[in-house]
Protein backbone atom coordinates (compact mmCIF):
# COMPACT_ATOMS: atom_id res chain seq x y z
CA MET A 1 4.76 64.18 23.86
CA GLU A 2 6.46 61.24 22.20
CA LYS A 3 4.01 59.03 20.40
CA ARG A 4 4.14 55.39 21.50
CA THR A 5 4.14 52.71 18.84
CA THR A 6 2.59 49.28 19.10
CA VAL A 7 3.51 46.09 17.35
CA ALA A 8 0.95 45.22 14.73
CA SER A 9 -1.09 42.22 15.75
CA SER A 10 -0.33 40.55 12.42
CA ALA A 11 3.37 40.45 13.36
CA ILE A 12 2.67 38.14 16.29
CA SER A 13 2.01 34.62 15.12
CA ASN A 14 0.22 31.97 17.12
CA ILE A 15 2.39 30.28 19.70
CA VAL A 16 1.86 26.53 19.69
CA VAL A 17 2.99 24.58 22.73
CA GLN A 18 3.70 20.94 21.93
CA LYS A 19 1.99 18.38 24.13
CA ALA A 20 4.23 16.56 26.58
CA SER A 21 3.22 13.20 25.14
CA ASP A 22 4.21 14.36 21.64
CA ILE A 23 7.66 15.38 22.90
CA LEU A 24 8.23 11.95 24.48
CA ALA A 25 6.91 10.17 21.38
CA SER A 26 9.23 12.26 19.21
CA ARG A 27 12.28 11.38 21.31
CA LEU A 28 11.47 7.67 21.33
CA ARG A 29 10.69 7.75 17.61
CA GLN A 30 14.08 9.28 16.86
CA LEU A 31 15.84 6.59 18.91
CA ILE A 32 14.03 3.90 16.92
CA LEU A 33 14.52 5.44 13.47
CA SER A 34 18.19 6.18 14.14
CA GLY A 35 18.79 2.53 15.04
CA GLU A 36 19.73 3.17 18.64
CA LEU A 37 16.70 1.11 19.56
CA ARG A 38 16.30 -1.94 17.34
CA PRO A 39 13.31 -4.17 16.53
CA GLY A 40 12.64 -6.45 19.49
CA ASP A 41 14.33 -4.18 22.02
CA PRO A 42 12.20 -3.58 25.12
CA LEU A 43 11.35 -0.03 26.09
CA PRO A 44 11.57 1.01 29.75
CA ASN A 45 8.36 0.06 31.52
CA GLU A 46 5.69 2.64 32.19
CA ARG A 47 6.92 3.47 35.69
CA GLU A 48 10.50 3.92 34.46
CA LEU A 49 9.37 6.16 31.60
CA VAL A 50 7.46 8.31 34.10
CA GLU A 51 10.57 8.62 36.27
CA GLN A 52 12.98 9.23 33.38
CA SER A 53 10.82 11.74 31.52
CA GLY A 54 9.25 13.51 34.49
CA LEU A 55 5.87 13.21 32.78
CA GLY A 56 2.63 11.92 34.16
CA ARG A 57 1.46 8.39 33.60
CA SER A 58 -1.29 9.53 31.19
CA SER A 59 1.24 11.38 28.98
CA VAL A 60 3.49 8.32 28.86
CA ARG A 61 0.60 6.11 27.88
CA GLU A 62 -0.51 8.55 25.19
CA ALA A 63 3.02 8.64 23.73
CA LEU A 64 3.13 4.84 23.59
CA ARG A 65 -0.29 4.72 21.94
CA GLU A 66 0.93 7.18 19.30
CA LEU A 67 3.99 5.07 18.53
CA SER A 68 1.90 1.92 18.48
CA ALA A 69 -0.44 3.47 15.89
CA GLU A 70 2.63 4.24 13.76
CA GLY A 71 3.80 0.63 13.95
CA LEU A 72 6.93 1.53 15.90
CA VAL A 73 5.94 -0.04 19.23
CA SER A 74 3.96 -3.13 20.17
CA THR A 75 2.69 -3.81 23.67
CA ARG A 76 2.19 -7.25 25.18
CA GLY A 77 0.53 -8.04 28.49
CA GLY A 78 1.28 -10.70 31.07
CA ARG A 79 4.59 -12.07 32.34
CA GLY A 80 7.41 -11.00 30.06
CA GLY A 81 5.16 -8.36 28.55
CA GLY A 82 5.73 -4.67 28.05
CA SER A 83 6.41 -2.37 25.12
CA PHE A 84 8.82 -3.48 22.41
CA VAL A 85 10.30 -1.80 19.37
CA THR A 86 8.86 -2.83 16.01
CA LEU A 87 9.12 -1.47 12.50
CA PRO A 88 6.23 -0.74 10.12
CA ASP A 89 5.49 -3.59 7.73
CA LEU A 90 3.67 -3.67 4.41
CA ASN A 91 0.33 -4.05 6.15
CA SER A 92 0.87 -0.83 8.11
CA MET A 93 1.47 0.94 4.79
CA ARG A 94 -1.36 -0.80 2.93
CA LYS A 95 -4.18 -0.49 5.45
CA PRO A 96 -4.41 3.34 5.60
CA VAL A 97 -4.56 3.53 1.79
CA GLU A 98 -7.24 0.83 1.70
CA LEU A 99 -9.28 2.69 4.31
CA PHE A 100 -8.85 5.95 2.39
CA ILE A 101 -10.22 4.30 -0.76
CA GLN A 102 -13.23 2.91 1.09
CA ALA A 103 -13.97 6.02 3.14
CA ASN A 104 -13.79 8.36 0.15
CA ASP A 105 -15.64 6.04 -2.24
CA VAL A 106 -12.79 6.18 -4.76
CA SER A 107 -14.13 5.25 -8.18
CA PHE A 108 -13.19 2.13 -10.12
CA GLU A 109 -11.92 4.40 -12.90
CA SER A 110 -9.53 6.12 -10.49
CA LEU A 111 -8.21 2.75 -9.35
CA LEU A 112 -7.53 1.85 -12.97
CA ASP A 113 -5.68 5.16 -13.44
CA CYS A 114 -3.54 4.20 -10.46
CA ARG A 115 -2.81 0.79 -11.96
CA LEU A 116 -1.82 2.35 -15.27
CA ALA A 117 0.54 4.71 -13.48
CA VAL A 118 2.44 2.02 -11.59
CA GLU A 119 1.95 -1.47 -13.08
CA PRO A 120 4.18 -1.05 -16.13
CA THR A 121 7.01 0.02 -13.81
CA LEU A 122 6.28 -2.96 -11.57
CA ALA A 123 6.53 -5.29 -14.56
CA ARG A 124 9.86 -3.72 -15.51
CA LEU A 125 11.19 -4.14 -11.97
CA ALA A 126 9.90 -7.71 -11.81
CA ALA A 127 11.88 -8.55 -14.93
CA LEU A 128 15.00 -7.14 -13.31
CA ASN A 129 14.54 -8.44 -9.77
CA ARG A 130 12.47 -11.64 -9.80
CA THR A 131 13.91 -14.78 -8.25
CA ASP A 132 13.63 -18.30 -9.62
CA GLU A 133 11.05 -19.07 -6.92
CA GLU A 134 8.96 -16.08 -7.96
CA ALA A 135 9.21 -17.16 -11.59
CA GLN A 136 7.83 -20.56 -10.59
CA GLU A 137 5.00 -18.92 -8.65
CA LEU A 138 4.08 -16.79 -11.66
CA GLN A 139 4.04 -19.84 -13.91
CA ALA A 140 1.87 -21.85 -11.50
CA LEU A 141 -0.61 -18.97 -11.20
CA HIS A 142 -0.68 -18.49 -14.96
CA ASP A 143 -1.45 -22.17 -15.51
CA LYS A 144 -4.40 -21.98 -13.11
CA PHE A 145 -5.51 -18.69 -14.68
CA ALA A 146 -5.43 -20.15 -18.19
CA ALA A 147 -7.66 -23.00 -17.03
CA SER A 148 -10.20 -20.70 -15.38
CA SER A 149 -11.57 -18.72 -18.32
CA ASP A 150 -14.94 -20.49 -18.14
CA ASN A 151 -15.37 -19.54 -14.46
CA VAL A 152 -15.66 -15.76 -14.22
CA GLU A 153 -15.24 -15.44 -10.45
CA GLU A 154 -12.24 -17.80 -10.37
CA TYR A 155 -10.81 -16.02 -13.41
CA ARG A 156 -11.07 -12.63 -11.68
CA ARG A 157 -9.47 -13.91 -8.48
CA LEU A 158 -6.54 -15.58 -10.27
CA ASN A 159 -6.13 -12.59 -12.57
CA LEU A 160 -5.59 -10.33 -9.56
CA GLU A 161 -3.32 -12.88 -7.83
CA TRP A 162 -1.11 -13.02 -10.93
CA HIS A 163 -0.84 -9.24 -11.06
CA LEU A 164 0.04 -9.16 -7.35
CA ALA A 165 2.68 -11.84 -7.89
CA VAL A 166 4.26 -9.61 -10.55
CA THR A 167 4.03 -6.74 -8.07
CA ARG A 168 5.80 -8.65 -5.30
CA ALA A 169 8.55 -9.72 -7.69
CA SER A 170 9.36 -6.04 -8.24
CA ARG A 171 10.84 -5.84 -4.69
CA ASN A 172 9.61 -2.24 -4.39
CA ALA A 173 7.93 -2.08 -0.98
CA PRO A 174 5.99 1.22 -1.38
CA LEU A 175 4.54 0.17 -4.74
CA ILE A 176 3.72 -3.30 -3.41
CA ALA A 177 1.78 -1.73 -0.55
CA LEU A 178 -0.07 0.55 -2.96
CA MET A 179 -1.04 -2.27 -5.33
CA GLU A 180 -2.16 -4.50 -2.47
CA ALA A 181 -4.27 -1.63 -1.13
CA ILE A 182 -6.16 -1.13 -4.39
CA SER A 183 -6.49 -4.84 -5.21
CA SER A 184 -9.29 -5.60 -2.74
CA PRO A 185 -11.56 -2.76 -3.94
CA ILE A 186 -10.92 -3.81 -7.55
CA LEU A 187 -11.85 -7.40 -6.79
CA ALA A 188 -14.93 -6.28 -4.83
CA SER A 189 -16.14 -4.12 -7.71
CA SER A 190 -18.92 -5.61 -9.82
CA GLN A 191 -17.71 -3.69 -12.88
CA PRO A 192 -15.04 -6.14 -14.08
CA THR A 193 -17.70 -8.84 -14.34
CA SER A 194 -19.76 -6.67 -16.66
CA VAL A 195 -16.86 -5.84 -19.00
CA THR A 196 -15.61 -9.35 -19.62
CA THR A 197 -16.50 -11.87 -22.30
CA GLN A 198 -15.15 -15.30 -23.14
CA LYS A 199 -13.01 -13.82 -25.92
CA ILE A 200 -11.67 -11.05 -23.68
CA ARG A 201 -10.72 -13.64 -21.06
CA GLU A 202 -8.97 -15.83 -23.63
CA ASP A 203 -7.10 -12.81 -25.05
CA THR A 204 -6.06 -11.78 -21.53
CA VAL A 205 -4.56 -15.20 -20.91
CA LYS A 206 -2.45 -14.75 -24.06
CA VAL A 207 -1.33 -11.26 -23.00
CA HIS A 208 -0.37 -12.51 -19.54
CA ALA A 209 1.71 -15.23 -21.20
CA ARG A 210 3.63 -12.63 -23.24
CA ILE A 211 4.21 -10.38 -20.24
CA GLN A 212 5.35 -13.35 -18.20
CA ALA A 213 7.72 -14.48 -20.96
CA ALA A 214 9.33 -11.03 -20.96
CA ILE A 215 9.73 -11.18 -17.18
CA MET A 216 11.22 -14.68 -17.40
CA ARG A 217 13.87 -13.63 -19.89
CA ARG A 218 14.47 -10.39 -17.93
CA ASP A 219 13.43 -8.15 -20.81
CA ALA A 220 12.48 -5.13 -18.70
CA ASP A 221 11.57 -2.81 -21.58
CA GLU A 222 9.29 -5.38 -23.20
CA ALA A 223 7.64 -6.19 -19.88
CA PHE A 224 6.95 -2.47 -19.38
CA ARG A 225 5.55 -2.06 -22.90
CA LEU A 226 3.29 -5.10 -22.75
CA MET A 227 1.93 -4.28 -19.29
CA SER A 228 1.17 -0.72 -20.42
CA LYS A 229 -0.82 -1.99 -23.39
CA HIS A 230 -2.57 -4.58 -21.22
CA VAL A 231 -3.81 -2.13 -18.56
CA GLU A 232 -4.66 0.52 -21.18
CA ALA A 233 -6.75 -2.01 -23.13
CA PHE A 234 -8.74 -3.02 -20.07
CA GLN A 235 -9.21 0.62 -19.12
CA ALA A 236 -10.54 1.42 -22.61
CA ILE A 237 -12.97 -1.51 -22.53
CA SER A 238 -14.16 -0.54 -19.06
CA SER A 239 -14.68 3.08 -20.10
CA ALA A 240 -16.63 2.10 -23.22
CA LYS A 241 -18.88 -0.25 -21.27
CA SER A 242 -19.56 2.44 -18.67
CA LYS A 243 -20.57 4.95 -21.34
CA ASN A 244 -22.89 2.43 -22.99
CA LEU A 245 -24.48 1.69 -19.62
CA GLU A 246 -25.05 5.39 -18.91
CA GLN A 247 -26.68 5.89 -22.33
CA THR A 248 -29.14 3.05 -21.74
CA GLN A 249 -30.23 4.34 -18.33
């Protein structure tokens, strides 16, 4: 008798059936990302989407909620309301990173590592891309910062604002979103207060002035070099203070 063979179970992979709402969301997403649907364009209303797609009302609503969470659709109620095409903005990029930092209790040291990885590049790009208006904003912030060294809280706030102004002048949207996401946790941390002294604050003002001068004259390499040294110096001071604190506990 001929022996029958069977297909090994390992040769049959799991079959995943995509949800109907995911299929509709994918089709609408492609229309938006391809430019066939542009920001501000209205989507068909819920009843029309049900008729056109052949899906149930709940699946249509779930697809719209998915696109809304991605920042691709906004829904307005009332007369003239409905669902409209939007595009993700910086906030939609920044907020998930900010929530990730908070939810996972990312350390202050890790945030400084992140700054060191990206801020020198941001300074370089700012030197290449800044506008005259951004140069004026940097100068105004620096003037306020220089006058704030006796007020630690004001000094910290203006310090971060100046760094964010350099970031925005880079014109690099992903890096801007990243720096804005880590700025709030850095400002909220109590650690920078414990690692600053009057001399450190006065020296920082001088370093900012040199970085800013490089950005003003569009010296990208010098802006990169100075920002690297600046962030590395603060990181070293912060690390030393943390070690001293651990030894005294």
